[in-house]
């Protein structure tokens, strides 16, 4: 449960200067010490404050995993759903009330394993929602099994003799789906991550913020420090609307570039498509049975 009493969004309400602390609830985060999710939460607070988003104008929707606790820590509407289904619920929320800022949250298992099919169709439908994926390359909540993004021959509880499956590349996947906006950030760079979240929240369409958030408990500090040496800023003059260049950027596993990697401005959103057809037929409740059957037989 959150600290905000449900009330309808008021489009005409004047913007109020907000501080990040205004979006905190009385519930304290209980992630492991050093978890990158702390940085993601802090960046989301700051993004909300910078954009002057009122708590009653936002909804956070999570699945299962370490990231599933997010709605309890954010003073807004919130839903903690089932494993891999946060995007379906978030899409329904957005269709039900297009005036809300809808933020879905998940981990690499939630997004790319059990929820992978929903990710493909969310990209296809292009709802105006933001999806924050905290990728720690492990199933942390269930104590250290390998995930779809685990790579590097890591020895886990489910792979005690070494990795037996190739890892999935989230960037390649999301670009191939023509995701309207795709950015990659790092939990250890909160200022840059805040700016990415702000851009994603303001983008009209399905915006995915892929956050590299190493697990200190099951992957260790050495892995976190080693990974941090691979992080790079995008080259000067980089064009995120160039899909071929975006593919090249995400295929590099020795240098992980951070920033807005791909975007498709002007791609019709789900709401725009719905608006285009809603006036072509009256609601079923307003039609006679004869007209309904006649339209079905055509």
C-alpha atoms as a PDB file:
ATOM      1  CA  UNK A   1       0.000   0.000   0.000  1.00  0.00           C
ATOM      2  CA  UNK A   2       1.133   3.575  -0.586  1.00  0.00           C
ATOM      3  CA  UNK A   3       0.722   6.783   1.379  1.00  0.00           C
ATOM      4  CA  UNK A   4      -1.351   8.570  -1.274  1.00  0.00           C
ATOM      5  CA  UNK A   5      -5.146   8.594  -1.090  1.00  0.00           C
ATOM      6  CA  UNK A   6      -6.650   7.763  -4.472  1.00  0.00           C
ATOM      7  CA  UNK A   7      -8.029  10.777  -6.293  1.00  0.00           C
ATOM      8  CA  UNK A   8      -8.684  11.614  -9.950  1.00  0.00           C
ATOM      9  CA  UNK A   9      -5.889  13.228 -11.940  1.00  0.00           C
ATOM     10  CA  UNK A  10      -6.504  16.947 -12.474  1.00  0.00           C
ATOM     11  CA  UNK A  11      -5.040  18.111 -15.764  1.00  0.00           C
ATOM     12  CA  UNK A  12      -5.514  21.791 -14.872  1.00  0.00           C
ATOM     13  CA  UNK A  13      -3.741  21.607 -11.508  1.00  0.00           C
ATOM     14  CA  UNK A  14      -0.813  24.077 -11.432  1.00  0.00           C
ATOM     15  CA  UNK A  15       2.629  22.483 -11.238  1.00  0.00           C
ATOM     16  CA  UNK A  16       4.128  22.474  -7.756  1.00  0.00           C
ATOM     17  CA  UNK A  17       7.832  22.468  -7.009  1.00  0.00           C
ATOM     18  CA  UNK A  18       8.656  19.060  -5.592  1.00  0.00           C
ATOM     19  CA  UNK A  19      11.609  17.532  -3.829  1.00  0.00           C
ATOM     20  CA  UNK A  20      12.731  13.893  -4.184  1.00  0.00           C
ATOM     21  CA  UNK A  21      11.715  13.260  -0.569  1.00  0.00           C
ATOM     22  CA  UNK A  22       8.111  14.101  -1.487  1.00  0.00           C
ATOM     23  CA  UNK A  23       7.888  10.746  -3.286  1.00  0.00           C
ATOM     24  CA  UNK A  24       9.160   8.617  -0.411  1.00  0.00           C
ATOM     25  CA  UNK A  25       6.788   6.503   1.653  1.00  0.00           C
ATOM     26  CA  UNK A  26       7.150   5.433   5.261  1.00  0.00           C
ATOM     27  CA  UNK A  27       8.256   1.991   4.053  1.00  0.00           C
ATOM     28  CA  UNK A  28      12.043   1.645   4.049  1.00  0.00           C
ATOM     29  CA  UNK A  29      13.804  -0.236   1.199  1.00  0.00           C
ATOM     30  CA  UNK A  30      15.112  -3.611   2.350  1.00  0.00           C
ATOM     31  CA  UNK A  31      17.450  -4.513  -0.496  1.00  0.00           C
ATOM     32  CA  UNK A  32      20.880  -5.918   0.237  1.00  0.00           C
ATOM     33  CA  UNK A  33      23.601  -3.375   1.133  1.00  0.00           C
ATOM     34  CA  UNK A  34      25.166  -2.057  -2.070  1.00  0.00           C
ATOM     35  CA  UNK A  35      22.275  -3.155  -4.312  1.00  0.00           C
ATOM     36  CA  UNK A  36      21.994  -1.061  -7.444  1.00  0.00           C
ATOM     37  CA  UNK A  37      18.235  -0.813  -7.009  1.00  0.00           C
ATOM     38  CA  UNK A  38      18.820   1.889  -4.381  1.00  0.00           C
ATOM     39  CA  UNK A  39      20.349   4.053  -7.103  1.00  0.00           C
ATOM     40  CA  UNK A  40      17.443   3.335  -9.453  1.00  0.00           C
ATOM     41  CA  UNK A  41      14.909   4.321  -6.784  1.00  0.00           C
ATOM     42  CA  UNK A  42      16.794   7.517  -6.001  1.00  0.00           C
ATOM     43  CA  UNK A  43      16.953   8.433  -9.687  1.00  0.00           C
ATOM     44  CA  UNK A  44      13.213   7.852 -10.081  1.00  0.00           C
ATOM     45  CA  UNK A  45      12.484  10.167  -7.122  1.00  0.00           C
ATOM     46  CA  UNK A  46      14.695  12.846  -8.678  1.00  0.00           C
ATOM     47  CA  UNK A  47      13.149  12.434 -12.144  1.00  0.00           C
ATOM     48  CA  UNK A  48       9.642  12.816 -10.710  1.00  0.00           C
ATOM     49  CA  UNK A  49      10.690  15.946  -8.823  1.00  0.00           C
ATOM     50  CA  UNK A  50      12.450  17.544 -11.809  1.00  0.00           C
ATOM     51  CA  UNK A  51       9.418  16.926 -14.041  1.00  0.00           C
ATOM     52  CA  UNK A  52       7.028  18.141 -11.303  1.00  0.00           C
ATOM     53  CA  UNK A  53       4.933  15.006 -11.537  1.00  0.00           C
ATOM     54  CA  UNK A  54       2.312  14.968  -8.807  1.00  0.00           C
ATOM     55  CA  UNK A  55       2.088  11.712  -6.824  1.00  0.00           C
ATOM     56  CA  UNK A  56      -1.547  11.203  -7.863  1.00  0.00           C
ATOM     57  CA  UNK A  57      -0.545  11.525 -11.520  1.00  0.00           C
ATOM     58  CA  UNK A  58       1.793   8.515 -11.457  1.00  0.00           C
ATOM     59  CA  UNK A  59       1.390   4.745 -11.199  1.00  0.00           C
ATOM     60  CA  UNK A  60       4.209   2.270 -10.569  1.00  0.00           C
ATOM     61  CA  UNK A  61       3.571  -1.344 -11.587  1.00  0.00           C
ATOM     62  CA  UNK A  62       5.985  -4.142 -10.692  1.00  0.00           C
ATOM     63  CA  UNK A  63       6.297  -7.885 -11.158  1.00  0.00           C
ATOM     64  CA  UNK A  64       8.133 -10.389  -8.956  1.00  0.00           C
ATOM     65  CA  UNK A  65      11.775 -10.223  -7.913  1.00  0.00           C
ATOM     66  CA  UNK A  66      13.959  -7.790  -6.020  1.00  0.00           C
ATOM     67  CA  UNK A  67      12.484  -4.962  -8.117  1.00  0.00           C
ATOM     68  CA  UNK A  68       8.957  -6.068  -7.233  1.00  0.00           C
ATOM     69  CA  UNK A  69       9.074  -4.105  -3.993  1.00  0.00           C
ATOM     70  CA  UNK A  70       9.298  -0.756  -5.825  1.00  0.00           C
ATOM     71  CA  UNK A  71       5.639   0.385  -5.567  1.00  0.00           C
ATOM     72  CA  UNK A  72       5.798   0.225  -1.781  1.00  0.00           C
ATOM     73  CA  UNK A  73       8.656   2.724  -1.742  1.00  0.00           C
ATOM     74  CA  UNK A  74       7.082   5.295  -4.100  1.00  0.00           C
ATOM     75  CA  UNK A  75       4.366   7.689  -2.963  1.00  0.00           C
ATOM     76  CA  UNK A  76       2.038   7.259  -5.924  1.00  0.00           C
ATOM     77  CA  UNK A  77      -0.545   4.784  -7.067  1.00  0.00           C
ATOM     78  CA  UNK A  78       1.084   1.369  -7.082  1.00  0.00           C
ATOM     79  CA  UNK A  79       0.467  -2.236  -8.073  1.00  0.00           C
ATOM     80  CA  UNK A  80       2.620  -5.254  -7.214  1.00  0.00           C
ATOM     81  CA  UNK A  81       1.561  -7.824  -9.799  1.00  0.00           C
ATOM     82  CA  UNK A  82       2.651 -11.379 -10.639  1.00  0.00           C
ATOM     83  CA  UNK A  83       5.853 -12.595 -12.279  1.00  0.00           C
ATOM     84  CA  UNK A  84       6.388 -11.233 -15.781  1.00  0.00           C
ATOM     85  CA  UNK A  85       3.003  -9.535 -16.051  1.00  0.00           C
ATOM     86  CA  UNK A  86       3.772  -5.939 -15.088  1.00  0.00           C
ATOM     87  CA  UNK A  87       3.602  -4.756 -18.716  1.00  0.00           C
ATOM     88  CA  UNK A  88       0.127  -6.190 -19.282  1.00  0.00           C
ATOM     89  CA  UNK A  89      -1.218  -4.481 -16.170  1.00  0.00           C
ATOM     90  CA  UNK A  90       0.605  -1.241 -16.941  1.00  0.00           C
ATOM     91  CA  UNK A  91      -0.832  -1.210 -20.471  1.00  0.00           C
ATOM     92  CA  UNK A  92      -4.332  -1.678 -19.072  1.00  0.00           C
ATOM     93  CA  UNK A  93      -3.808   1.171 -16.608  1.00  0.00           C
ATOM     94  CA  UNK A  94      -2.674   3.487 -19.398  1.00  0.00           C
ATOM     95  CA  UNK A  95      -5.611   2.610 -21.653  1.00  0.00           C
ATOM     96  CA  UNK A  96      -7.987   3.067 -18.711  1.00  0.00           C
ATOM     97  CA  UNK A  97      -6.611   6.503 -17.840  1.00  0.00           C
ATOM     98  CA  UNK A  98      -4.305   7.994 -20.523  1.00  0.00           C
ATOM     99  CA  UNK A  99      -3.628  11.038 -18.317  1.00  0.00           C
ATOM    100  CA  UNK A 100      -1.505   9.048 -15.861  1.00  0.00           C
ATOM    101  CA  UNK A 101       2.259   8.608 -15.971  1.00  0.00           C
ATOM    102  CA  UNK A 102       2.628   4.824 -15.942  1.00  0.00           C
ATOM    103  CA  UNK A 103       5.953   3.275 -14.940  1.00  0.00           C
ATOM    104  CA  UNK A 104       6.453  -0.489 -15.133  1.00  0.00           C
ATOM    105  CA  UNK A 105       9.379  -2.014 -13.240  1.00  0.00           C
ATOM    106  CA  UNK A 106      11.069  -5.395 -13.500  1.00  0.00           C
ATOM    107  CA  UNK A 107      14.300  -7.342 -13.401  1.00  0.00           C
ATOM    108  CA  UNK A 108      16.078  -9.300 -16.126  1.00  0.00           C
ATOM    109  CA  UNK A 109      14.194 -12.506 -15.304  1.00  0.00           C
ATOM    110  CA  UNK A 110      10.866 -10.715 -15.063  1.00  0.00           C
ATOM    111  CA  UNK A 111      11.426  -8.848 -18.345  1.00  0.00           C
ATOM    112  CA  UNK A 112      13.299 -11.271 -20.568  1.00  0.00           C
ATOM    113  CA  UNK A 113      12.245 -14.713 -19.331  1.00  0.00           C
ATOM    114  CA  UNK A 114       8.679 -15.219 -18.118  1.00  0.00           C
ATOM    115  CA  UNK A 115       7.665 -11.758 -19.337  1.00  0.00           C
ATOM    116  CA  UNK A 116       9.549 -11.862 -22.632  1.00  0.00           C
ATOM    117  CA  UNK A 117       6.478 -12.388 -24.790  1.00  0.00           C
ATOM    118  CA  UNK A 118       4.726  -9.401 -23.213  1.00  0.00           C
ATOM    119  CA  UNK A 119       7.793  -7.280 -23.904  1.00  0.00           C
ATOM    120  CA  UNK A 120       7.547  -8.044 -27.624  1.00  0.00           C
ATOM    121  CA  UNK A 121       3.881  -7.081 -27.815  1.00  0.00           C
ATOM    122  CA  UNK A 122       4.304  -3.958 -25.700  1.00  0.00           C
ATOM    123  CA  UNK A 123       6.928  -2.789 -28.196  1.00  0.00           C
ATOM    124  CA  UNK A 124       4.542  -3.625 -31.040  1.00  0.00           C
ATOM    125  CA  UNK A 125       1.546  -1.834 -29.509  1.00  0.00           C
ATOM    126  CA  UNK A 126       3.640   1.114 -28.321  1.00  0.00           C
ATOM    127  CA  UNK A 127       1.679   2.244 -25.254  1.00  0.00           C
ATOM    128  CA  UNK A 128       2.876   5.519 -23.751  1.00  0.00           C
ATOM    129  CA  UNK A 129       4.486   3.920 -20.695  1.00  0.00           C
ATOM    130  CA  UNK A 130       8.004   3.754 -19.278  1.00  0.00           C
ATOM    131  CA  UNK A 131       9.551   0.371 -18.466  1.00  0.00           C
ATOM    132  CA  UNK A 132      12.529   0.381 -16.093  1.00  0.00           C
ATOM    133  CA  UNK A 133      14.436  -2.923 -16.208  1.00  0.00           C
ATOM    134  CA  UNK A 134      16.989  -3.546 -13.446  1.00  0.00           C
ATOM    135  CA  UNK A 135      19.387  -6.074 -14.958  1.00  0.00           C
ATOM    136  CA  UNK A 136      21.645  -7.786 -12.408  1.00  0.00           C
ATOM    137  CA  UNK A 137      22.241 -10.922 -14.507  1.00  0.00           C
ATOM    138  CA  UNK A 138      20.967 -13.224 -11.771  1.00  0.00           C
ATOM    139  CA  UNK A 139      17.798 -14.349 -10.022  1.00  0.00           C
ATOM    140  CA  UNK A 140      18.546 -12.580  -6.771  1.00  0.00           C
ATOM    141  CA  UNK A 141      15.266 -13.063  -4.908  1.00  0.00           C
ATOM    142  CA  UNK A 142      15.396 -16.837  -5.320  1.00  0.00           C
ATOM    143  CA  UNK A 143      19.036 -16.939  -4.254  1.00  0.00           C
ATOM    144  CA  UNK A 144      21.454 -16.927  -7.134  1.00  0.00           C
ATOM    145  CA  UNK A 145      20.334 -18.886 -10.190  1.00  0.00           C
ATOM    146  CA  UNK A 146      21.505 -17.777 -13.640  1.00  0.00           C
ATOM    147  CA  UNK A 147      19.135 -15.548 -15.630  1.00  0.00           C
ATOM    148  CA  UNK A 148      18.605 -14.936 -19.375  1.00  0.00           C
ATOM    149  CA  UNK A 149      21.262 -12.189 -19.346  1.00  0.00           C
ATOM    150  CA  UNK A 150      23.927 -14.035 -17.338  1.00  0.00           C
ATOM    151  CA  UNK A 151      27.139 -14.296 -19.340  1.00  0.00           C
ATOM    152  CA  UNK A 152      30.820 -14.874 -18.857  1.00  0.00           C
ATOM    153  CA  UNK A 153      30.845 -18.505 -17.738  1.00  0.00           C
ATOM    154  CA  UNK A 154      29.630 -17.704 -14.244  1.00  0.00           C
ATOM    155  CA  UNK A 155      29.319 -20.658 -11.859  1.00  0.00           C
ATOM    156  CA  UNK A 156      25.872 -20.519 -10.273  1.00  0.00           C
ATOM    157  CA  UNK A 157      23.661 -22.836  -8.249  1.00  0.00           C
ATOM    158  CA  UNK A 158      21.952 -23.919 -11.467  1.00  0.00           C
ATOM    159  CA  UNK A 159      25.233 -24.092 -13.439  1.00  0.00           C
ATOM    160  CA  UNK A 160      27.800 -25.446 -10.967  1.00  0.00           C
ATOM    161  CA  UNK A 161      30.124 -26.501 -13.809  1.00  0.00           C
ATOM    162  CA  UNK A 162      29.754 -23.353 -15.875  1.00  0.00           C
ATOM    163  CA  UNK A 163      27.161 -21.683 -18.046  1.00  0.00           C
ATOM    164  CA  UNK A 164      25.520 -24.097 -20.503  1.00  0.00           C
ATOM    165  CA  UNK A 165      23.297 -21.589 -22.343  1.00  0.00           C
ATOM    166  CA  UNK A 166      24.188 -18.522 -24.354  1.00  0.00           C
ATOM    167  CA  UNK A 167      23.077 -15.210 -22.872  1.00  0.00           C
ATOM    168  CA  UNK A 168      20.437 -12.940 -24.317  1.00  0.00           C
ATOM    169  CA  UNK A 169      21.417  -9.444 -25.486  1.00  0.00           C
ATOM    170  CA  UNK A 170      18.651  -7.055 -24.306  1.00  0.00           C
ATOM    171  CA  UNK A 171      19.750  -4.249 -26.603  1.00  0.00           C
ATOM    172  CA  UNK A 172      19.622  -6.362 -29.755  1.00  0.00           C
ATOM    173  CA  UNK A 173      16.228  -7.704 -28.734  1.00  0.00           C
ATOM    174  CA  UNK A 174      14.650  -4.323 -28.010  1.00  0.00           C
ATOM    175  CA  UNK A 175      15.999  -2.700 -31.158  1.00  0.00           C
ATOM    176  CA  UNK A 176      14.795  -5.607 -33.301  1.00  0.00           C
ATOM    177  CA  UNK A 177      11.327  -5.087 -31.792  1.00  0.00           C
ATOM    178  CA  UNK A 178      11.543  -1.446 -32.944  1.00  0.00           C
ATOM    179  CA  UNK A 179      11.019  -0.290 -29.364  1.00  0.00           C
ATOM    180  CA  UNK A 180      10.103   3.379 -29.664  1.00  0.00           C
ATOM    181  CA  UNK A 181      12.766   4.487 -27.149  1.00  0.00           C
ATOM    182  CA  UNK A 182      15.602   2.460 -25.659  1.00  0.00           C
ATOM    183  CA  UNK A 183      18.223   3.777 -23.261  1.00  0.00           C
ATOM    184  CA  UNK A 184      20.866   2.082 -21.134  1.00  0.00           C
ATOM    185  CA  UNK A 185      22.059   3.373 -17.779  1.00  0.00           C
ATOM    186  CA  UNK A 186      24.098   2.272 -14.795  1.00  0.00           C
ATOM    187  CA  UNK A 187      22.868   2.231 -11.205  1.00  0.00           C
ATOM    188  CA  UNK A 188      26.211   3.623 -10.066  1.00  0.00           C
ATOM    189  CA  UNK A 189      25.743   6.784 -12.165  1.00  0.00           C
ATOM    190  CA  UNK A 190      22.534   8.258 -10.667  1.00  0.00           C
ATOM    191  CA  UNK A 191      22.781  11.687 -12.312  1.00  0.00           C
ATOM    192  CA  UNK A 192      23.019  10.218 -15.805  1.00  0.00           C
ATOM    193  CA  UNK A 193      20.313   7.678 -14.947  1.00  0.00           C
ATOM    194  CA  UNK A 194      18.009  10.462 -13.747  1.00  0.00           C
ATOM    195  CA  UNK A 195      18.363  12.265 -17.070  1.00  0.00           C
ATOM    196  CA  UNK A 196      17.616   9.032 -18.945  1.00  0.00           C
ATOM    197  CA  UNK A 197      14.492   8.476 -16.863  1.00  0.00           C
ATOM    198  CA  UNK A 198      13.308  12.018 -17.490  1.00  0.00           C
ATOM    199  CA  UNK A 199      13.762  11.602 -21.240  1.00  0.00           C
ATOM    200  CA  UNK A 200      11.924   8.282 -21.148  1.00  0.00           C
ATOM    201  CA  UNK A 201       9.042   9.687 -19.087  1.00  0.00           C
ATOM    202  CA  UNK A 202       8.602  12.570 -21.532  1.00  0.00           C
ATOM    203  CA  UNK A 203       8.872  10.431 -24.661  1.00  0.00           C
ATOM    204  CA  UNK A 204       5.493   9.727 -26.327  1.00  0.00           C
ATOM    205  CA  UNK A 205       5.522   5.957 -26.610  1.00  0.00           C
ATOM    206  CA  UNK A 206       6.954   2.785 -25.125  1.00  0.00           C
ATOM    207  CA  UNK A 207      10.243   3.796 -23.512  1.00  0.00           C
ATOM    208  CA  UNK A 208      12.572   1.196 -21.984  1.00  0.00           C
ATOM    209  CA  UNK A 209      15.287   2.197 -19.527  1.00  0.00           C
ATOM    210  CA  UNK A 210      17.670  -0.752 -19.292  1.00  0.00           C
ATOM    211  CA  UNK A 211      19.610  -0.297 -16.055  1.00  0.00           C
ATOM    212  CA  UNK A 212      22.781  -2.277 -15.422  1.00  0.00           C
ATOM    213  CA  UNK A 213      22.421  -2.986 -11.709  1.00  0.00           C
ATOM    214  CA  UNK A 214      25.025  -5.554 -10.553  1.00  0.00           C
ATOM    215  CA  UNK A 215      24.084  -7.853  -7.665  1.00  0.00           C
ATOM    216  CA  UNK A 216      26.602  -7.433  -4.847  1.00  0.00           C
ATOM    217  CA  UNK A 217      25.327 -10.487  -2.947  1.00  0.00           C
ATOM    218  CA  UNK A 218      25.484 -13.182  -5.614  1.00  0.00           C
ATOM    219  CA  UNK A 219      27.836 -11.672  -8.199  1.00  0.00           C
ATOM    220  CA  UNK A 220      30.189  -9.966  -5.748  1.00  0.00           C
ATOM    221  CA  UNK A 221      31.967  -6.609  -5.587  1.00  0.00           C
ATOM    222  CA  UNK A 222      34.801  -7.795  -7.811  1.00  0.00           C
ATOM    223  CA  UNK A 223      32.364  -8.398 -10.673  1.00  0.00           C
ATOM    224  CA  UNK A 224      30.768  -5.007 -10.082  1.00  0.00           C
ATOM    225  CA  UNK A 225      34.136  -3.226 -10.210  1.00  0.00           C
ATOM    226  CA  UNK A 226      35.236  -5.201 -13.266  1.00  0.00           C
ATOM    227  CA  UNK A 227      31.998  -4.402 -15.090  1.00  0.00           C
ATOM    228  CA  UNK A 228      32.296  -0.696 -14.269  1.00  0.00           C
ATOM    229  CA  UNK A 229      35.548  -0.520 -16.260  1.00  0.00           C
ATOM    230  CA  UNK A 230      33.629  -1.470 -19.425  1.00  0.00           C
ATOM    231  CA  UNK A 231      31.136   1.404 -19.246  1.00  0.00           C
ATOM    232  CA  UNK A 232      31.404   4.164 -21.839  1.00  0.00           C
ATOM    233  CA  UNK A 233      29.465   7.246 -22.883  1.00  0.00           C
ATOM    234  CA  UNK A 234      28.047   7.248 -26.404  1.00  0.00           C
ATOM    235  CA  UNK A 235      30.394   8.655 -29.083  1.00  0.00           C
ATOM    236  CA  UNK A 236      30.082  12.345 -29.852  1.00  0.00           C
ATOM    237  CA  UNK A 237      27.610  12.938 -32.658  1.00  0.00           C
ATOM    238  CA  UNK A 238      25.935   9.562 -32.224  1.00  0.00           C
ATOM    239  CA  UNK A 239      22.489   9.405 -33.875  1.00  0.00           C
ATOM    240  CA  UNK A 240      20.011   7.212 -31.911  1.00  0.00           C
ATOM    241  CA  UNK A 241      17.545   7.209 -34.827  1.00  0.00           C
ATOM    242  CA  UNK A 242      20.011   5.198 -36.928  1.00  0.00           C
ATOM    243  CA  UNK A 243      18.984   1.581 -36.279  1.00  0.00           C
ATOM    244  CA  UNK A 244      22.100   0.082 -37.911  1.00  0.00           C
ATOM    245  CA  UNK A 245      24.405   2.139 -35.709  1.00  0.00           C
ATOM    246  CA  UNK A 246      22.308   1.245 -32.665  1.00  0.00           C
ATOM    247  CA  UNK A 247      22.775  -2.458 -33.446  1.00  0.00           C
ATOM    248  CA  UNK A 248      26.534  -1.970 -33.634  1.00  0.00           C
ATOM    249  CA  UNK A 249      26.586  -0.204 -30.265  1.00  0.00           C
ATOM    250  CA  UNK A 250      24.726  -2.953 -28.387  1.00  0.00           C
ATOM    251  CA  UNK A 251      26.647  -5.824 -30.001  1.00  0.00           C
ATOM    252  CA  UNK A 252      29.863  -4.734 -28.297  1.00  0.00           C
ATOM    253  CA  UNK A 253      30.209  -6.741 -25.057  1.00  0.00           C
ATOM    254  CA  UNK A 254      33.635  -5.322 -24.174  1.00  0.00           C
ATOM    255  CA  UNK A 255      32.412  -1.727 -24.084  1.00  0.00           C
ATOM    256  CA  UNK A 256      28.935  -1.044 -22.723  1.00  0.00           C
ATOM    257  CA  UNK A 257      27.693   2.345 -23.926  1.00  0.00           C
ATOM    258  CA  UNK A 258      25.305   4.365 -21.792  1.00  0.00           C
ATOM    259  CA  UNK A 259      22.652   6.812 -22.961  1.00  0.00           C
ATOM    260  CA  UNK A 260      19.725   6.871 -25.370  1.00  0.00           C
ATOM    261  CA  UNK A 261      20.798   4.180 -27.829  1.00  0.00           C
ATOM    262  CA  UNK A 262      17.750   3.958 -30.099  1.00  0.00           C
ATOM    263  CA  UNK A 263      14.533   5.840 -30.663  1.00  0.00           C
ATOM    264  CA  UNK A 264      11.809   5.927 -33.266  1.00  0.00           C
ATOM    265  CA  UNK A 265      10.194   9.379 -33.036  1.00  0.00           C
ATOM    266  CA  UNK A 266       6.790   9.639 -34.655  1.00  0.00           C
ATOM    267  CA  UNK A 267       5.924   5.973 -34.246  1.00  0.00           C
ATOM    268  CA  UNK A 268       2.149   5.925 -33.572  1.00  0.00           C
ATOM    269  CA  UNK A 269       1.294   5.182 -29.961  1.00  0.00           C
ATOM    270  CA  UNK A 270      -1.349   2.719 -28.891  1.00  0.00           C
ATOM    271  CA  UNK A 271      -3.621   5.551 -27.779  1.00  0.00           C
ATOM    272  CA  UNK A 272      -3.309   7.290 -31.145  1.00  0.00           C
ATOM    273  CA  UNK A 273      -4.341   4.081 -32.897  1.00  0.00           C
ATOM    274  CA  UNK A 274      -7.285   3.665 -30.537  1.00  0.00           C
ATOM    275  CA  UNK A 275      -8.352   7.272 -31.072  1.00  0.00           C
ATOM    276  CA  UNK A 276      -8.258   6.720 -34.832  1.00  0.00           C
ATOM    277  CA  UNK A 277     -10.811   3.903 -34.718  1.00  0.00           C
ATOM    278  CA  UNK A 278     -13.044   4.746 -31.769  1.00  0.00           C
ATOM    279  CA  UNK A 279     -15.205   7.143 -33.795  1.00  0.00           C
ATOM    280  CA  UNK A 280     -15.808   4.637 -36.601  1.00  0.00           C
ATOM    281  CA  UNK A 281     -18.262   2.588 -34.578  1.00  0.00           C
ATOM    282  CA  UNK A 282     -20.553   3.411 -31.704  1.00  0.00           C
ATOM    283  CA  UNK A 283     -20.120   1.445 -28.463  1.00  0.00           C
ATOM    284  CA  UNK A 284     -21.888  -1.924 -28.497  1.00  0.00           C
ATOM    285  CA  UNK A 285     -24.223  -0.690 -25.765  1.00  0.00           C
ATOM    286  CA  UNK A 286     -25.521   1.965 -28.158  1.00  0.00           C
ATOM    287  CA  UNK A 287     -26.094  -0.364 -31.096  1.00  0.00           C
ATOM    288  CA  UNK A 288     -29.008  -2.602 -31.900  1.00  0.00           C
ATOM    289  CA  UNK A 289     -28.476  -6.357 -32.120  1.00  0.00           C
ATOM    290  CA  UNK A 290     -29.381  -6.234 -35.822  1.00  0.00           C
ATOM    291  CA  UNK A 291     -26.550  -3.768 -36.529  1.00  0.00           C
ATOM    292  CA  UNK A 292     -24.066  -5.817 -34.499  1.00  0.00           C
ATOM    293  CA  UNK A 293     -24.858  -9.071 -36.303  1.00  0.00           C
ATOM    294  CA  UNK A 294     -24.863  -7.300 -39.654  1.00  0.00           C
ATOM    295  CA  UNK A 295     -21.350  -5.928 -39.060  1.00  0.00           C
ATOM    296  CA  UNK A 296     -20.103  -9.380 -37.945  1.00  0.00           C
ATOM    297  CA  UNK A 297     -21.355 -11.047 -41.127  1.00  0.00           C
ATOM    298  CA  UNK A 298     -19.628  -8.629 -43.496  1.00  0.00           C
END
